[in-house]
């Protein structure tokens, strides 16, 4: 399920700021991550992997599909 959709408000997108932003939103709903049993879905960017390193992270299949299609339609090499 989607809990919230909100514009990112912090000055830069470092891993600590991303985690702080997500934790702030969770706190508004009276929620928090339980590092022993919480899962998070994100893309495979290093900053996302770092921001949620203490959680079980699942890769987003939509991001993978998007990258595959992007590569397919923009690759200049001929097969």
PDB file of N, CA and C in Angstrom:
ATOM      1  N   UNK A   1       0.829  -1.177   0.000  1.00  0.00           N
ATOM      2  CA  UNK A   1       0.000   0.000   0.000  1.00  0.00           C
ATOM      3  C   UNK A   1       0.873   1.240   0.000  1.00  0.00           C
ATOM      4  N   UNK A   2       0.314   2.353  -0.393  1.00  0.00           N
ATOM      5  CA  UNK A   2       1.015   3.639  -0.375  1.00  0.00           C
ATOM      6  C   UNK A   2       0.495   4.427   0.806  1.00  0.00           C
ATOM      7  N   UNK A   3       1.405   4.848   1.645  1.00  0.00           N
ATOM      8  CA  UNK A   3       1.042   5.591   2.841  1.00  0.00           C
ATOM      9  C   UNK A   3       0.900   7.075   2.557  1.00  0.00           C
ATOM     10  N   UNK A   4       1.786   7.597   1.707  1.00  0.00           N
ATOM     11  CA  UNK A   4       1.823   9.045   1.506  1.00  0.00           C
ATOM     12  C   UNK A   4       2.559   9.354   0.206  1.00  0.00           C
ATOM     13  N   UNK A   5       2.193  10.430  -0.408  1.00  0.00           N
ATOM     14  CA  UNK A   5       2.908  10.933  -1.578  1.00  0.00           C
ATOM     15  C   UNK A   5       3.148  12.411  -1.331  1.00  0.00           C
ATOM     16  N   UNK A   6       4.400  12.775  -1.165  1.00  0.00           N
ATOM     17  CA  UNK A   6       4.730  14.139  -0.784  1.00  0.00           C
ATOM     18  C   UNK A   6       6.024  14.574  -1.473  1.00  0.00           C
ATOM     19  N   UNK A   7       6.115  15.839  -1.821  1.00  0.00           N
ATOM     20  CA  UNK A   7       7.337  16.376  -2.427  1.00  0.00           C
ATOM     21  C   UNK A   7       8.486  16.310  -1.427  1.00  0.00           C
ATOM     22  N   UNK A   8       9.661  15.975  -1.932  1.00  0.00           N
ATOM     23  CA  UNK A   8      10.862  15.934  -1.096  1.00  0.00           C
ATOM     24  C   UNK A   8      11.252  17.360  -0.748  1.00  0.00           C
ATOM     25  N   UNK A   9      11.391  17.656   0.541  1.00  0.00           N
ATOM     26  CA  UNK A   9      11.566  19.034   0.996  1.00  0.00           C
ATOM     27  C   UNK A   9      12.971  19.381   1.470  1.00  0.00           C
ATOM     28  N   UNK A  10      13.857  18.419   1.582  1.00  0.00           N
ATOM     29  CA  UNK A  10      15.185  18.691   2.132  1.00  0.00           C
ATOM     30  C   UNK A  10      16.117  19.225   1.053  1.00  0.00           C
ATOM     31  N   UNK A  11      17.194  19.890   1.497  1.00  0.00           N
ATOM     32  CA  UNK A  11      18.050  20.611   0.551  1.00  0.00           C
ATOM     33  C   UNK A  11      18.826  19.715  -0.408  1.00  0.00           C
ATOM     34  N   UNK A  12      19.181  18.503   0.019  1.00  0.00           N
ATOM     35  CA  UNK A  12      19.890  17.612  -0.897  1.00  0.00           C
ATOM     36  C   UNK A  12      19.441  16.177  -0.666  1.00  0.00           C
ATOM     37  N   UNK A  13      19.818  15.319  -1.577  1.00  0.00           N
ATOM     38  CA  UNK A  13      19.341  13.938  -1.535  1.00  0.00           C
ATOM     39  C   UNK A  13      20.428  12.982  -1.064  1.00  0.00           C
ATOM     40  N   UNK A  14      21.007  13.277   0.094  1.00  0.00           N
ATOM     41  CA  UNK A  14      21.973  12.355   0.679  1.00  0.00           C
ATOM     42  C   UNK A  14      21.217  11.222   1.366  1.00  0.00           C
ATOM     43  N   UNK A  15      21.889  10.126   1.579  1.00  0.00           N
ATOM     44  CA  UNK A  15      21.255   8.982   2.246  1.00  0.00           C
ATOM     45  C   UNK A  15      20.674   9.333   3.609  1.00  0.00           C
ATOM     46  N   UNK A  16      21.422  10.053   4.468  1.00  0.00           N
ATOM     47  CA  UNK A  16      20.835  10.407   5.768  1.00  0.00           C
ATOM     48  C   UNK A  16      19.588  11.284   5.637  1.00  0.00           C
ATOM     49  N   UNK A  17      19.577  12.198   4.683  1.00  0.00           N
ATOM     50  CA  UNK A  17      18.403  13.055   4.488  1.00  0.00           C
ATOM     51  C   UNK A  17      17.205  12.267   3.973  1.00  0.00           C
ATOM     52  N   UNK A  18      17.442  11.343   3.068  1.00  0.00           N
ATOM     53  CA  UNK A  18      16.352  10.511   2.553  1.00  0.00           C
ATOM     54  C   UNK A  18      15.730   9.717   3.695  1.00  0.00           C
ATOM     55  N   UNK A  19      16.578   9.116   4.518  1.00  0.00           N
ATOM     56  CA  UNK A  19      16.066   8.334   5.651  1.00  0.00           C
ATOM     57  C   UNK A  19      15.331   9.240   6.642  1.00  0.00           C
ATOM     58  N   UNK A  20      15.875  10.413   6.904  1.00  0.00           N
ATOM     59  CA  UNK A  20      15.238  11.368   7.814  1.00  0.00           C
ATOM     60  C   UNK A  20      13.856  11.757   7.288  1.00  0.00           C
ATOM     61  N   UNK A  21      13.754  12.016   5.993  1.00  0.00           N
ATOM     62  CA  UNK A  21      12.487  12.391   5.361  1.00  0.00           C
ATOM     63  C   UNK A  21      11.447  11.277   5.508  1.00  0.00           C
ATOM     64  N   UNK A  22      11.846  10.047   5.220  1.00  0.00           N
ATOM     65  CA  UNK A  22      10.928   8.910   5.331  1.00  0.00           C
ATOM     66  C   UNK A  22      10.525   8.688   6.789  1.00  0.00           C
ATOM     67  N   UNK A  23      11.493   8.752   7.694  1.00  0.00           N
ATOM     68  CA  UNK A  23      11.180   8.565   9.114  1.00  0.00           C
ATOM     69  C   UNK A  23      10.212   9.631   9.618  1.00  0.00           C
ATOM     70  N   UNK A  24      10.363  10.862   9.150  1.00  0.00           N
ATOM     71  CA  UNK A  24       9.476  11.953   9.551  1.00  0.00           C
ATOM     72  C   UNK A  24       8.033  11.660   9.123  1.00  0.00           C
ATOM     73  N   UNK A  25       7.876  11.188   7.897  1.00  0.00           N
ATOM     74  CA  UNK A  25       6.532  10.868   7.403  1.00  0.00           C
ATOM     75  C   UNK A  25       5.938   9.697   8.183  1.00  0.00           C
ATOM     76  N   UNK A  26       6.732   8.666   8.409  1.00  0.00           N
ATOM     77  CA  UNK A  26       6.236   7.534   9.196  1.00  0.00           C
ATOM     78  C   UNK A  26       5.795   7.985  10.583  1.00  0.00           C
ATOM     79  N   UNK A  27       6.586   8.864  11.189  1.00  0.00           N
ATOM     80  CA  UNK A  27       6.275   9.365  12.527  1.00  0.00           C
ATOM     81  C   UNK A  27       4.933  10.104  12.557  1.00  0.00           C
ATOM     82  N   UNK A  28       4.614  10.824  11.482  1.00  0.00           N
ATOM     83  CA  UNK A  28       3.327  11.528  11.406  1.00  0.00           C
ATOM     84  C   UNK A  28       2.140  10.571  11.510  1.00  0.00           C
ATOM     85  N   UNK A  29       2.342   9.332  11.085  1.00  0.00           N
ATOM     86  CA  UNK A  29       1.287   8.324  11.128  1.00  0.00           C
ATOM     87  C   UNK A  29       1.433   7.400  12.342  1.00  0.00           C
ATOM     88  N   UNK A  30       2.362   7.738  13.235  1.00  0.00           N
ATOM     89  CA  UNK A  30       2.584   6.916  14.418  1.00  0.00           C
ATOM     90  C   UNK A  30       3.270   5.598  14.113  1.00  0.00           C
ATOM     91  N   UNK A  31       4.060   5.573  13.038  1.00  0.00           N
ATOM     92  CA  UNK A  31       4.746   4.361  12.600  1.00  0.00           C
ATOM     93  C   UNK A  31       6.252   4.538  12.677  1.00  0.00           C
ATOM     94  N   UNK A  32       6.960   3.433  12.687  1.00  0.00           N
ATOM     95  CA  UNK A  32       8.420   3.458  12.591  1.00  0.00           C
ATOM     96  C   UNK A  32       8.876   2.124  12.019  1.00  0.00           C
ATOM     97  N   UNK A  33      10.109   2.090  11.541  1.00  0.00           N
ATOM     98  CA  UNK A  33      10.668   0.847  11.024  1.00  0.00           C
ATOM     99  C   UNK A  33      11.080  -0.043  12.185  1.00  0.00           C
ATOM    100  N   UNK A  34      10.787  -1.322  12.070  1.00  0.00           N
ATOM    101  CA  UNK A  34      11.322  -2.329  12.978  1.00  0.00           C
ATOM    102  C   UNK A  34      12.430  -3.012  12.191  1.00  0.00           C
ATOM    103  N   UNK A  35      13.673  -2.731  12.543  1.00  0.00           N
ATOM    104  CA  UNK A  35      14.793  -3.206  11.724  1.00  0.00           C
ATOM    105  C   UNK A  35      14.894  -4.727  11.657  1.00  0.00           C
ATOM    106  N   UNK A  36      14.192  -5.431  12.526  1.00  0.00           N
ATOM    107  CA  UNK A  36      14.251  -6.892  12.463  1.00  0.00           C
ATOM    108  C   UNK A  36      13.206  -7.481  11.513  1.00  0.00           C
ATOM    109  N   UNK A  37      12.184  -6.688  11.153  1.00  0.00           N
ATOM    110  CA  UNK A  37      11.123  -7.274  10.328  1.00  0.00           C
ATOM    111  C   UNK A  37      10.542  -6.345   9.262  1.00  0.00           C
ATOM    112  N   UNK A  38      11.079  -5.141   9.102  1.00  0.00           N
ATOM    113  CA  UNK A  38      10.521  -4.202   8.118  1.00  0.00           C
ATOM    114  C   UNK A  38      11.168  -4.375   6.751  1.00  0.00           C
ATOM    115  N   UNK A  39      10.347  -4.196   5.729  1.00  0.00           N
ATOM    116  CA  UNK A  39      10.804  -4.230   4.346  1.00  0.00           C
ATOM    117  C   UNK A  39      10.589  -2.855   3.727  1.00  0.00           C
ATOM    118  N   UNK A  40      11.433  -2.515   2.769  1.00  0.00           N
ATOM    119  CA  UNK A  40      11.260  -1.278   2.022  1.00  0.00           C
ATOM    120  C   UNK A  40      11.514  -1.597   0.547  1.00  0.00           C
ATOM    121  N   UNK A  41      10.738  -0.991  -0.327  1.00  0.00           N
ATOM    122  CA  UNK A  41      10.915  -1.160  -1.770  1.00  0.00           C
ATOM    123  C   UNK A  41      11.533   0.116  -2.309  1.00  0.00           C
ATOM    124  N   UNK A  42      12.635  -0.027  -3.052  1.00  0.00           N
ATOM    125  CA  UNK A  42      13.294   1.151  -3.627  1.00  0.00           C
ATOM    126  C   UNK A  42      14.011   0.749  -4.905  1.00  0.00           C
ATOM    127  N   UNK A  43      14.505   1.774  -5.598  1.00  0.00           N
ATOM    128  CA  UNK A  43      15.332   1.473  -6.753  1.00  0.00           C
ATOM    129  C   UNK A  43      16.702   1.018  -6.253  1.00  0.00           C
ATOM    130  N   UNK A  44      17.619   0.771  -7.148  1.00  0.00           N
ATOM    131  CA  UNK A  44      18.910   0.197  -6.789  1.00  0.00           C
ATOM    132  C   UNK A  44      20.011   1.251  -6.672  1.00  0.00           C
ATOM    133  N   UNK A  45      19.661   2.514  -6.551  1.00  0.00           N
ATOM    134  CA  UNK A  45      20.671   3.564  -6.394  1.00  0.00           C
ATOM    135  C   UNK A  45      21.428   3.374  -5.094  1.00  0.00           C
ATOM    136  N   UNK A  46      22.717   3.693  -5.111  1.00  0.00           N
ATOM    137  CA  UNK A  46      23.537   3.545  -3.911  1.00  0.00           C
ATOM    138  C   UNK A  46      22.984   4.331  -2.736  1.00  0.00           C
ATOM    139  N   UNK A  47      22.497   5.548  -2.978  1.00  0.00           N
ATOM    140  CA  UNK A  47      21.996   6.352  -1.860  1.00  0.00           C
ATOM    141  C   UNK A  47      20.748   5.737  -1.240  1.00  0.00           C
ATOM    142  N   UNK A  48      19.933   5.056  -2.026  1.00  0.00           N
ATOM    143  CA  UNK A  48      18.757   4.378  -1.486  1.00  0.00           C
ATOM    144  C   UNK A  48      19.170   3.121  -0.723  1.00  0.00           C
ATOM    145  N   UNK A  49      20.117   2.397  -1.275  1.00  0.00           N
ATOM    146  CA  UNK A  49      20.615   1.205  -0.592  1.00  0.00           C
ATOM    147  C   UNK A  49      21.237   1.573   0.742  1.00  0.00           C
ATOM    148  N   UNK A  50      21.963   2.673   0.762  1.00  0.00           N
ATOM    149  CA  UNK A  50      22.597   3.144   1.996  1.00  0.00           C
ATOM    150  C   UNK A  50      21.553   3.661   2.992  1.00  0.00           C
ATOM    151  N   UNK A  51      20.573   4.399   2.513  1.00  0.00           N
ATOM    152  CA  UNK A  51      19.550   4.977   3.395  1.00  0.00           C
ATOM    153  C   UNK A  51      18.765   3.898   4.133  1.00  0.00           C
ATOM    154  N   UNK A  52      18.599   2.753   3.510  1.00  0.00           N
ATOM    155  CA  UNK A  52      17.796   1.685   4.100  1.00  0.00           C
ATOM    156  C   UNK A  52      18.614   0.416   4.332  1.00  0.00           C
ATOM    157  N   UNK A  53      19.902   0.585   4.591  1.00  0.00           N
ATOM    158  CA  UNK A  53      20.814  -0.553   4.735  1.00  0.00           C
ATOM    159  C   UNK A  53      20.442  -1.476   5.894  1.00  0.00           C
ATOM    160  N   UNK A  54      19.799  -0.945   6.916  1.00  0.00           N
ATOM    161  CA  UNK A  54      19.451  -1.758   8.087  1.00  0.00           C
ATOM    162  C   UNK A  54      18.117  -2.487   7.934  1.00  0.00           C
ATOM    163  N   UNK A  55      17.467  -2.315   6.795  1.00  0.00           N
ATOM    164  CA  UNK A  55      16.174  -2.956   6.546  1.00  0.00           C
ATOM    165  C   UNK A  55      16.306  -4.001   5.449  1.00  0.00           C
ATOM    166  N   UNK A  56      15.313  -4.824   5.317  1.00  0.00           N
ATOM    167  CA  UNK A  56      15.255  -5.757   4.195  1.00  0.00           C
ATOM    168  C   UNK A  56      14.720  -4.966   3.002  1.00  0.00           C
ATOM    169  N   UNK A  57      15.557  -4.797   1.989  1.00  0.00           N
ATOM    170  CA  UNK A  57      15.185  -3.973   0.849  1.00  0.00           C
ATOM    171  C   UNK A  57      14.805  -4.853  -0.332  1.00  0.00           C
ATOM    172  N   UNK A  58      13.684  -4.536  -0.944  1.00  0.00           N
ATOM    173  CA  UNK A  58      13.239  -5.220  -2.153  1.00  0.00           C
ATOM    174  C   UNK A  58      13.418  -4.277  -3.331  1.00  0.00           C
ATOM    175  N   UNK A  59      13.926  -4.808  -4.417  1.00  0.00           N
ATOM    176  CA  UNK A  59      14.112  -3.984  -5.610  1.00  0.00           C
ATOM    177  C   UNK A  59      12.766  -3.745  -6.284  1.00  0.00           C
ATOM    178  N   UNK A  60      12.621  -2.580  -6.844  1.00  0.00           N
ATOM    179  CA  UNK A  60      11.377  -2.201  -7.504  1.00  0.00           C
ATOM    180  C   UNK A  60      11.389  -2.725  -8.942  1.00  0.00           C
ATOM    181  N   UNK A  61      10.480  -3.634  -9.246  1.00  0.00           N
ATOM    182  CA  UNK A  61      10.441  -4.220 -10.588  1.00  0.00           C
ATOM    183  C   UNK A  61      10.093  -3.185 -11.652  1.00  0.00           C
ATOM    184  N   UNK A  62       9.333  -2.156 -11.295  1.00  0.00           N
ATOM    185  CA  UNK A  62       9.014  -1.092 -12.260  1.00  0.00           C
ATOM    186  C   UNK A  62      10.267  -0.352 -12.702  1.00  0.00           C
ATOM    187  N   UNK A  63      11.191  -0.120 -11.771  1.00  0.00           N
ATOM    188  CA  UNK A  63      12.438   0.547 -12.137  1.00  0.00           C
ATOM    189  C   UNK A  63      13.261  -0.325 -13.083  1.00  0.00           C
ATOM    190  N   UNK A  64      13.317  -1.633 -12.799  1.00  0.00           N
ATOM    191  CA  UNK A  64      14.052  -2.534 -13.684  1.00  0.00           C
ATOM    192  C   UNK A  64      13.444  -2.546 -15.082  1.00  0.00           C
ATOM    193  N   UNK A  65      12.142  -2.664 -15.162  1.00  0.00           N
ATOM    194  CA  UNK A  65      11.468  -2.674 -16.455  1.00  0.00           C
ATOM    195  C   UNK A  65      11.702  -1.364 -17.204  1.00  0.00           C
ATOM    196  N   UNK A  66      11.610  -0.245 -16.508  1.00  0.00           N
ATOM    197  CA  UNK A  66      11.847   1.050 -17.124  1.00  0.00           C
ATOM    198  C   UNK A  66      13.262   1.138 -17.690  1.00  0.00           C
ATOM    199  N   UNK A  67      14.258   0.670 -16.933  1.00  0.00           N
ATOM    200  CA  UNK A  67      15.649   0.713 -17.405  1.00  0.00           C
ATOM    201  C   UNK A  67      15.847  -0.180 -18.628  1.00  0.00           C
ATOM    202  N   UNK A  68      15.224  -1.333 -18.627  1.00  0.00           N
ATOM    203  CA  UNK A  68      15.335  -2.240 -19.773  1.00  0.00           C
ATOM    204  C   UNK A  68      14.735  -1.597 -21.014  1.00  0.00           C
ATOM    205  N   UNK A  69      13.543  -1.026 -20.887  1.00  0.00           N
ATOM    206  CA  UNK A  69      12.900  -0.383 -22.033  1.00  0.00           C
ATOM    207  C   UNK A  69      13.675   0.845 -22.496  1.00  0.00           C
ATOM    208  N   UNK A  70      14.168   1.621 -21.544  1.00  0.00           N
ATOM    209  CA  UNK A  70      14.966   2.804 -21.895  1.00  0.00           C
ATOM    210  C   UNK A  70      16.198   2.397 -22.690  1.00  0.00           C
ATOM    211  N   UNK A  71      16.888   1.366 -22.233  1.00  0.00           N
ATOM    212  CA  UNK A  71      18.083   0.882 -22.929  1.00  0.00           C
ATOM    213  C   UNK A  71      17.711   0.341 -24.309  1.00  0.00           C
ATOM    214  N   UNK A  72      16.615  -0.369 -24.391  1.00  0.00           N
ATOM    215  CA  UNK A  72      16.177  -0.955 -25.654  1.00  0.00           C
ATOM    216  C   UNK A  72      15.926   0.109 -26.714  1.00  0.00           C
ATOM    217  N   UNK A  73      15.276   1.187 -26.339  1.00  0.00           N
ATOM    218  CA  UNK A  73      14.881   2.190 -27.321  1.00  0.00           C
ATOM    219  C   UNK A  73      15.873   3.332 -27.497  1.00  0.00           C
ATOM    220  N   UNK A  74      16.945   3.345 -26.722  1.00  0.00           N
ATOM    221  CA  UNK A  74      17.929   4.418 -26.881  1.00  0.00           C
ATOM    222  C   UNK A  74      19.310   3.904 -27.245  1.00  0.00           C
ATOM    223  N   UNK A  75      19.512   2.595 -27.252  1.00  0.00           N
ATOM    224  CA  UNK A  75      20.818   2.037 -27.579  1.00  0.00           C
ATOM    225  C   UNK A  75      21.083   2.229 -29.070  1.00  0.00           C
ATOM    226  N   UNK A  76      22.225   2.804 -29.376  1.00  0.00           N
ATOM    227  CA  UNK A  76      22.547   3.109 -30.773  1.00  0.00           C
ATOM    228  C   UNK A  76      23.237   1.957 -31.489  1.00  0.00           C
ATOM    229  N   UNK A  77      23.631   0.942 -30.740  1.00  0.00           N
ATOM    230  CA  UNK A  77      24.297  -0.199 -31.365  1.00  0.00           C
ATOM    231  C   UNK A  77      23.282  -1.007 -32.168  1.00  0.00           C
ATOM    232  N   UNK A  78      23.719  -1.453 -33.306  1.00  0.00           N
ATOM    233  CA  UNK A  78      22.871  -2.308 -34.141  1.00  0.00           C
ATOM    234  C   UNK A  78      23.186  -3.763 -33.818  1.00  0.00           C
ATOM    235  N   UNK A  79      22.167  -4.576 -33.704  1.00  0.00           N
ATOM    236  CA  UNK A  79      22.375  -6.003 -33.418  1.00  0.00           C
ATOM    237  C   UNK A  79      22.752  -6.751 -34.656  1.00  0.00           C
TER     238      UNK A  79
END
